[in-house]
All heavy atoms as atom14 arrays in JSON, in Angstrom:
{
  "sequence": "EILRDARALQQERKWKEVASLLAAQNLASWPEA",
  "atom14_mask": [
    [1, 1, 1, 1, 1, 1, 1, 1, 1, 0, 0, 0, 0, 0],
    [1, 1, 1, 1, 1, 1, 1, 1, 0, 0, 0, 0, 0, 0],
    [1, 1, 1, 1, 1, 1, 1, 1, 0, 0, 0, 0, 0, 0],
    [1, 1, 1, 1, 1, 1, 1, 1, 1, 1, 1, 0, 0, 0],
    [1, 1, 1, 1, 1, 1, 1, 1, 0, 0, 0, 0, 0, 0],
    [1, 1, 1, 1, 1, 0, 0, 0, 0, 0, 0, 0, 0, 0],
    [1, 1, 1, 1, 1, 1, 1, 1, 1, 1, 1, 0, 0, 0],
    [1, 1, 1, 1, 1, 0, 0, 0, 0, 0, 0, 0, 0, 0],
    [1, 1, 1, 1, 1, 1, 1, 1, 0, 0, 0, 0, 0, 0],
    [1, 1, 1, 1, 1, 1, 1, 1, 1, 0, 0, 0, 0, 0],
    [1, 1, 1, 1, 1, 1, 1, 1, 1, 0, 0, 0, 0, 0],
    [1, 1, 1, 1, 1, 1, 1, 1, 1, 0, 0, 0, 0, 0],
    [1, 1, 1, 1, 1, 1, 1, 1, 1, 1, 1, 0, 0, 0],
    [1, 1, 1, 1, 1, 1, 1, 1, 1, 0, 0, 0, 0, 0],
    [1, 1, 1, 1, 1, 1, 1, 1, 1, 1, 1, 1, 1, 1],
    [1, 1, 1, 1, 1, 1, 1, 1, 1, 0, 0, 0, 0, 0],
    [1, 1, 1, 1, 1, 1, 1, 1, 1, 0, 0, 0, 0, 0],
    [1, 1, 1, 1, 1, 1, 1, 0, 0, 0, 0, 0, 0, 0],
    [1, 1, 1, 1, 1, 0, 0, 0, 0, 0, 0, 0, 0, 0],
    [1, 1, 1, 1, 1, 1, 0, 0, 0, 0, 0, 0, 0, 0],
    [1, 1, 1, 1, 1, 1, 1, 1, 0, 0, 0, 0, 0, 0],
    [1, 1, 1, 1, 1, 1, 1, 1, 0, 0, 0, 0, 0, 0],
    [1, 1, 1, 1, 1, 0, 0, 0, 0, 0, 0, 0, 0, 0],
    [1, 1, 1, 1, 1, 0, 0, 0, 0, 0, 0, 0, 0, 0],
    [1, 1, 1, 1, 1, 1, 1, 1, 1, 0, 0, 0, 0, 0],
    [1, 1, 1, 1, 1, 1, 1, 1, 0, 0, 0, 0, 0, 0],
    [1, 1, 1, 1, 1, 1, 1, 1, 0, 0, 0, 0, 0, 0],
    [1, 1, 1, 1, 1, 0, 0, 0, 0, 0, 0, 0, 0, 0],
    [1, 1, 1, 1, 1, 1, 0, 0, 0, 0, 0, 0, 0, 0],
    [1, 1, 1, 1, 1, 1, 1, 1, 1, 1, 1, 1, 1, 1],
    [1, 1, 1, 1, 1, 1, 1, 0, 0, 0, 0, 0, 0, 0],
    [1, 1, 1, 1, 1, 1, 1, 1, 1, 0, 0, 0, 0, 0],
    [1, 1, 1, 1, 1, 0, 0, 0, 0, 0, 0, 0, 0, 0]
  ],
  "atom14_positions": [
    [[0.83, -1.21, 0.0], [0.0, 0.0, 0.0], [0.87, 1.26, 0.0], [0.61, 2.22, -0.74], [-0.91, -0.01, 1.22], [-1.89, 1.15, 1.28], [-2.79, 1.1, 2.5], [-2.88, 0.02, 3.13], [-3.4, 2.14, 2.82], [0.0, 0.0, 0.0], [0.0, 0.0, 0.0], [0.0, 0.0, 0.0], [0.0, 0.0, 0.0], [0.0, 0.0, 0.0]],
    [[1.9, 1.25, 0.81], [2.8, 2.41, 0.88], [3.53, 2.6, -0.44], [3.66, 3.73, -0.94], [3.8, 2.23, 2.04], [3.05, 2.26, 3.38], [4.86, 3.34, 2.02], [3.89, 1.81, 4.55], [0.0, 0.0, 0.0], [0.0, 0.0, 0.0], [0.0, 0.0, 0.0], [0.0, 0.0, 0.0], [0.0, 0.0, 0.0], [0.0, 0.0, 0.0]],
    [[4.01, 1.5, -1.03], [4.7, 1.59, -2.3], [3.77, 2.08, -3.41], [4.19, 2.85, -4.29], [5.3, 0.24, -2.68], [6.55, -0.17, -1.88], [6.89, -1.63, -2.12], [7.73, 0.72, -2.27], [0.0, 0.0, 0.0], [0.0, 0.0, 0.0], [0.0, 0.0, 0.0], [0.0, 0.0, 0.0], [0.0, 0.0, 0.0], [0.0, 0.0, 0.0]],
    [[2.51, 1.67, -3.34], [1.54, 2.14, -4.32], [1.35, 3.66, -4.21], [1.33, 4.39, -5.2], [0.2, 1.42, -4.13], [-0.84, 1.77, -5.19], [-2.04, 0.82, -5.13], [-2.68, 0.85, -3.84], [-2.67, -0.18, -2.98], [-2.0, -1.29, -3.28], [-3.31, -0.1, -1.83], [0.0, 0.0, 0.0], [0.0, 0.0, 0.0], [0.0, 0.0, 0.0]],
    [[1.26, 4.14, -2.96], [1.13, 5.59, -2.74], [2.39, 6.33, -3.21], [2.3, 7.41, -3.8], [0.9, 5.87, -1.25], [-0.47, 5.4, -0.75], [-1.33, 5.13, -1.61], [-0.66, 5.3, 0.46], [0.0, 0.0, 0.0], [0.0, 0.0, 0.0], [0.0, 0.0, 0.0], [0.0, 0.0, 0.0], [0.0, 0.0, 0.0], [0.0, 0.0, 0.0]],
    [[3.56, 5.73, -2.96], [4.82, 6.36, -3.36], [4.9, 6.46, -4.88], [5.31, 7.5, -5.42], [6.0, 5.56, -2.82], [0.0, 0.0, 0.0], [0.0, 0.0, 0.0], [0.0, 0.0, 0.0], [0.0, 0.0, 0.0], [0.0, 0.0, 0.0], [0.0, 0.0, 0.0], [0.0, 0.0, 0.0], [0.0, 0.0, 0.0], [0.0, 0.0, 0.0]],
    [[4.5, 5.42, -5.57], [4.58, 5.45, -7.04], [3.55, 6.42, -7.62], [3.79, 7.04, -8.67], [4.39, 4.04, -7.6], [5.55, 3.12, -7.24], [5.58, 1.89, -8.11], [6.67, 0.98, -7.72], [7.93, 1.14, -8.08], [8.28, 2.2, -8.8], [8.86, 0.28, -7.71], [0.0, 0.0, 0.0], [0.0, 0.0, 0.0], [0.0, 0.0, 0.0]],
    [[2.42, 6.55, -6.95], [1.42, 7.54, -7.39], [1.99, 8.95, -7.27], [1.81, 9.8, -8.16], [0.14, 7.41, -6.57], [0.0, 0.0, 0.0], [0.0, 0.0, 0.0], [0.0, 0.0, 0.0], [0.0, 0.0, 0.0], [0.0, 0.0, 0.0], [0.0, 0.0, 0.0], [0.0, 0.0, 0.0], [0.0, 0.0, 0.0], [0.0, 0.0, 0.0]],
    [[2.71, 9.21, -6.19], [3.35, 10.51, -6.0], [4.45, 10.72, -7.04], [4.65, 11.83, -7.53], [3.94, 10.62, -4.59], [2.94, 10.76, -3.45], [3.64, 10.6, -2.1], [2.24, 12.12, -3.52], [0.0, 0.0, 0.0], [0.0, 0.0, 0.0], [0.0, 0.0, 0.0], [0.0, 0.0, 0.0], [0.0, 0.0, 0.0], [0.0, 0.0, 0.0]],
    [[5.16, 9.64, -7.39], [6.18, 9.75, -8.44], [5.56, 10.15, -9.76], [6.15, 10.95, -10.51], [6.92, 8.42, -8.61], [8.06, 8.19, -7.62], [8.9, 7.0, -8.02], [8.39, 5.97, -8.47], [10.2, 7.1, -7.84], [0.0, 0.0, 0.0], [0.0, 0.0, 0.0], [0.0, 0.0, 0.0], [0.0, 0.0, 0.0], [0.0, 0.0, 0.0]],
    [[4.39, 9.6, -10.07], [3.72, 9.95, -11.32], [3.42, 11.45, -11.38], [3.39, 12.04, -12.46], [2.41, 9.15, -11.46], [2.59, 7.68, -11.73], [3.23, 7.41, -13.08], [2.87, 8.04, -14.08], [4.18, 6.48, -13.14], [0.0, 0.0, 0.0], [0.0, 0.0, 0.0], [0.0, 0.0, 0.0], [0.0, 0.0, 0.0], [0.0, 0.0, 0.0]],
    [[3.22, 12.05, -10.22], [2.95, 13.49, -10.14], [4.24, 14.3, -9.96], [4.19, 15.51, -9.76], [1.99, 13.77, -8.97], [0.63, 13.1, -9.12], [-0.26, 13.31, -7.9], [0.04, 14.21, -7.09], [-1.24, 12.57, -7.77], [0.0, 0.0, 0.0], [0.0, 0.0, 0.0], [0.0, 0.0, 0.0], [0.0, 0.0, 0.0], [0.0, 0.0, 0.0]],
    [[5.38, 13.61, -10.02], [6.7, 14.24, -9.86], [6.85, 14.95, -8.51], [7.56, 15.96, -8.4], [6.96, 15.23, -11.01], [6.98, 14.55, -12.37], [7.23, 15.54, -13.49], [7.26, 14.87, -14.79], [8.35, 14.34, -15.32], [9.5, 14.41, -14.69], [8.3, 13.76, -16.5], [0.0, 0.0, 0.0], [0.0, 0.0, 0.0], [0.0, 0.0, 0.0]],
    [[6.24, 14.39, -7.5], [6.37, 14.94, -6.15], [7.49, 14.19, -5.44], [7.29, 13.38, -4.54], [5.04, 14.8, -5.39], [3.93, 15.66, -6.0], [2.63, 15.54, -5.21], [1.56, 16.45, -5.8], [0.26, 16.33, -5.06], [0.0, 0.0, 0.0], [0.0, 0.0, 0.0], [0.0, 0.0, 0.0], [0.0, 0.0, 0.0], [0.0, 0.0, 0.0]],
    [[8.72, 14.48, -5.89], [9.88, 13.71, -5.46], [10.14, 13.81, -3.96], [10.41, 12.8, -3.3], [11.12, 14.16, -6.24], [10.92, 14.24, -7.71], [11.09, 15.35, -8.5], [10.51, 13.19, -8.6], [10.81, 15.06, -9.82], [10.46, 13.75, -9.92], [10.18, 11.86, -8.43], [10.11, 13.01, -11.03], [9.82, 11.12, -9.55], [9.79, 11.68, -10.82]],
    [[10.08, 15.01, -3.42], [10.36, 15.17, -2.0], [9.3, 14.51, -1.12], [9.6, 13.99, -0.04], [10.49, 16.65, -1.65], [11.74, 17.3, -2.23], [11.92, 18.74, -1.77], [13.21, 19.31, -2.31], [13.41, 20.72, -1.89], [0.0, 0.0, 0.0], [0.0, 0.0, 0.0], [0.0, 0.0, 0.0], [0.0, 0.0, 0.0], [0.0, 0.0, 0.0]],
    [[8.06, 14.53, -1.61], [6.99, 13.86, -0.86], [7.21, 12.35, -0.82], [6.96, 11.7, 0.21], [5.62, 14.19, -1.48], [5.14, 15.6, -1.24], [5.67, 16.59, -2.28], [6.67, 16.24, -2.98], [5.12, 17.68, -2.39], [0.0, 0.0, 0.0], [0.0, 0.0, 0.0], [0.0, 0.0, 0.0], [0.0, 0.0, 0.0], [0.0, 0.0, 0.0]],
    [[7.67, 11.8, -1.94], [7.99, 10.36, -1.97], [9.09, 10.04, -0.97], [8.99, 9.09, -0.18], [8.43, 9.92, -3.37], [8.88, 8.45, -3.36], [7.32, 10.12, -4.38], [0.0, 0.0, 0.0], [0.0, 0.0, 0.0], [0.0, 0.0, 0.0], [0.0, 0.0, 0.0], [0.0, 0.0, 0.0], [0.0, 0.0, 0.0], [0.0, 0.0, 0.0]],
    [[10.15, 10.84, -1.0], [11.27, 10.61, -0.08], [10.83, 10.71, 1.37], [11.23, 9.89, 2.21], [12.38, 11.63, -0.37], [0.0, 0.0, 0.0], [0.0, 0.0, 0.0], [0.0, 0.0, 0.0], [0.0, 0.0, 0.0], [0.0, 0.0, 0.0], [0.0, 0.0, 0.0], [0.0, 0.0, 0.0], [0.0, 0.0, 0.0], [0.0, 0.0, 0.0]],
    [[9.98, 11.7, 1.68], [9.5, 11.87, 3.06], [8.61, 10.71, 3.49], [8.71, 10.22, 4.62], [8.72, 13.19, 3.18], [9.56, 14.29, 2.93], [0.0, 0.0, 0.0], [0.0, 0.0, 0.0], [0.0, 0.0, 0.0], [0.0, 0.0, 0.0], [0.0, 0.0, 0.0], [0.0, 0.0, 0.0], [0.0, 0.0, 0.0], [0.0, 0.0, 0.0]],
    [[7.74, 10.27, 2.57], [6.85, 9.15, 2.88], [7.63, 7.9, 3.24], [7.35, 7.24, 4.25], [5.94, 8.87, 1.67], [5.08, 7.6, 1.74], [4.08, 7.68, 2.88], [4.37, 7.35, 0.41], [0.0, 0.0, 0.0], [0.0, 0.0, 0.0], [0.0, 0.0, 0.0], [0.0, 0.0, 0.0], [0.0, 0.0, 0.0], [0.0, 0.0, 0.0]],
    [[8.63, 7.58, 2.45], [9.4, 6.35, 2.68], [10.4, 6.51, 3.83], [10.7, 5.53, 4.52], [10.11, 5.93, 1.4], [9.15, 5.51, 0.27], [9.9, 5.25, -1.02], [8.34, 4.28, 0.67], [0.0, 0.0, 0.0], [0.0, 0.0, 0.0], [0.0, 0.0, 0.0], [0.0, 0.0, 0.0], [0.0, 0.0, 0.0], [0.0, 0.0, 0.0]],
    [[10.87, 7.73, 4.06], [11.77, 7.96, 5.2], [11.04, 7.77, 6.53], [11.66, 7.43, 7.54], [12.35, 9.37, 5.13], [0.0, 0.0, 0.0], [0.0, 0.0, 0.0], [0.0, 0.0, 0.0], [0.0, 0.0, 0.0], [0.0, 0.0, 0.0], [0.0, 0.0, 0.0], [0.0, 0.0, 0.0], [0.0, 0.0, 0.0], [0.0, 0.0, 0.0]],
    [[9.72, 7.95, 6.5], [8.93, 7.82, 7.73], [8.6, 6.37, 8.06], [8.05, 6.08, 9.14], [7.64, 8.62, 7.6], [0.0, 0.0, 0.0], [0.0, 0.0, 0.0], [0.0, 0.0, 0.0], [0.0, 0.0, 0.0], [0.0, 0.0, 0.0], [0.0, 0.0, 0.0], [0.0, 0.0, 0.0], [0.0, 0.0, 0.0], [0.0, 0.0, 0.0]],
    [[8.93, 5.44, 7.15], [8.58, 4.03, 7.37], [9.72, 3.3, 8.07], [10.89, 3.64, 7.91], [8.29, 3.35, 6.03], [7.29, 4.08, 5.17], [5.98, 4.35, 5.86], [5.43, 3.48, 6.55], [5.45, 5.55, 5.69], [0.0, 0.0, 0.0], [0.0, 0.0, 0.0], [0.0, 0.0, 0.0], [0.0, 0.0, 0.0], [0.0, 0.0, 0.0]],
    [[9.35, 2.28, 8.79], [10.34, 1.39, 9.41], [10.69, 0.3, 8.4], [10.23, -0.84, 8.49], [9.77, 0.79, 10.71], [10.77, -0.13, 11.39], [11.98, -0.05, 11.14], [10.27, -1.01, 12.25], [0.0, 0.0, 0.0], [0.0, 0.0, 0.0], [0.0, 0.0, 0.0], [0.0, 0.0, 0.0], [0.0, 0.0, 0.0], [0.0, 0.0, 0.0]],
    [[11.51, 0.67, 7.43], [11.8, -0.26, 6.34], [12.55, -1.51, 6.8], [12.48, -2.55, 6.15], [12.62, 0.45, 5.25], [11.93, 1.63, 4.55], [12.85, 2.19, 3.46], [10.59, 1.23, 3.96], [0.0, 0.0, 0.0], [0.0, 0.0, 0.0], [0.0, 0.0, 0.0], [0.0, 0.0, 0.0], [0.0, 0.0, 0.0], [0.0, 0.0, 0.0]],
    [[13.24, -1.4, 7.92], [13.97, -2.56, 8.44], [13.04, -3.72, 8.78], [13.46, -4.87, 8.81], [14.79, -2.16, 9.66], [0.0, 0.0, 0.0], [0.0, 0.0, 0.0], [0.0, 0.0, 0.0], [0.0, 0.0, 0.0], [0.0, 0.0, 0.0], [0.0, 0.0, 0.0], [0.0, 0.0, 0.0], [0.0, 0.0, 0.0], [0.0, 0.0, 0.0]],
    [[11.76, -3.4, 9.04], [10.79, -4.45, 9.39], [10.11, -5.04, 8.16], [9.35, -6.0, 8.28], [9.72, -3.88, 10.33], [8.92, -2.91, 9.65], [0.0, 0.0, 0.0], [0.0, 0.0, 0.0], [0.0, 0.0, 0.0], [0.0, 0.0, 0.0], [0.0, 0.0, 0.0], [0.0, 0.0, 0.0], [0.0, 0.0, 0.0], [0.0, 0.0, 0.0]],
    [[10.37, -4.5, 6.98], [9.73, -4.98, 5.75], [10.46, -6.22, 5.24], [11.65, -6.4, 5.49], [9.8, -3.9, 4.68], [8.88, -2.74, 4.88], [8.34, -2.31, 6.06], [8.42, -1.83, 3.89], [7.59, -1.2, 5.87], [7.6, -0.88, 4.53], [8.62, -1.72, 2.51], [6.99, 0.17, 3.84], [8.01, -0.69, 1.82], [7.19, 0.24, 2.48]],
    [[9.75, -7.06, 4.48], [10.43, -8.16, 3.78], [11.54, -7.59, 2.89], [11.39, -6.5, 2.34], [9.32, -8.81, 2.94], [8.04, -8.42, 3.64], [8.29, -7.07, 4.23], [0.0, 0.0, 0.0], [0.0, 0.0, 0.0], [0.0, 0.0, 0.0], [0.0, 0.0, 0.0], [0.0, 0.0, 0.0], [0.0, 0.0, 0.0], [0.0, 0.0, 0.0]],
    [[12.63, -8.33, 2.75], [13.81, -7.79, 2.07], [13.5, -7.29, 0.66], [13.97, -6.21, 0.27], [14.92, -8.82, 2.02], [16.22, -8.26, 1.45], [17.38, -9.22, 1.56], [17.8, -9.51, 2.71], [17.87, -9.68, 0.52], [0.0, 0.0, 0.0], [0.0, 0.0, 0.0], [0.0, 0.0, 0.0], [0.0, 0.0, 0.0], [0.0, 0.0, 0.0]],
    [[12.73, -8.03, -0.11], [12.44, -7.63, -1.49], [11.69, -6.3, -1.51], [12.0, -5.42, -2.34], [11.62, -8.71, -2.19], [0.0, 0.0, 0.0], [0.0, 0.0, 0.0], [0.0, 0.0, 0.0], [0.0, 0.0, 0.0], [0.0, 0.0, 0.0], [0.0, 0.0, 0.0], [0.0, 0.0, 0.0], [0.0, 0.0, 0.0], [0.0, 0.0, 0.0]]
  ]
}
């Protein structure tokens, strides 16, 4: 769901928003892929 939101923001060229969205996630807890 988060990746879907991030890619939607990429389509709108909202680069900093994408970076902020993913920086706020605990990526270490995600599956490696």
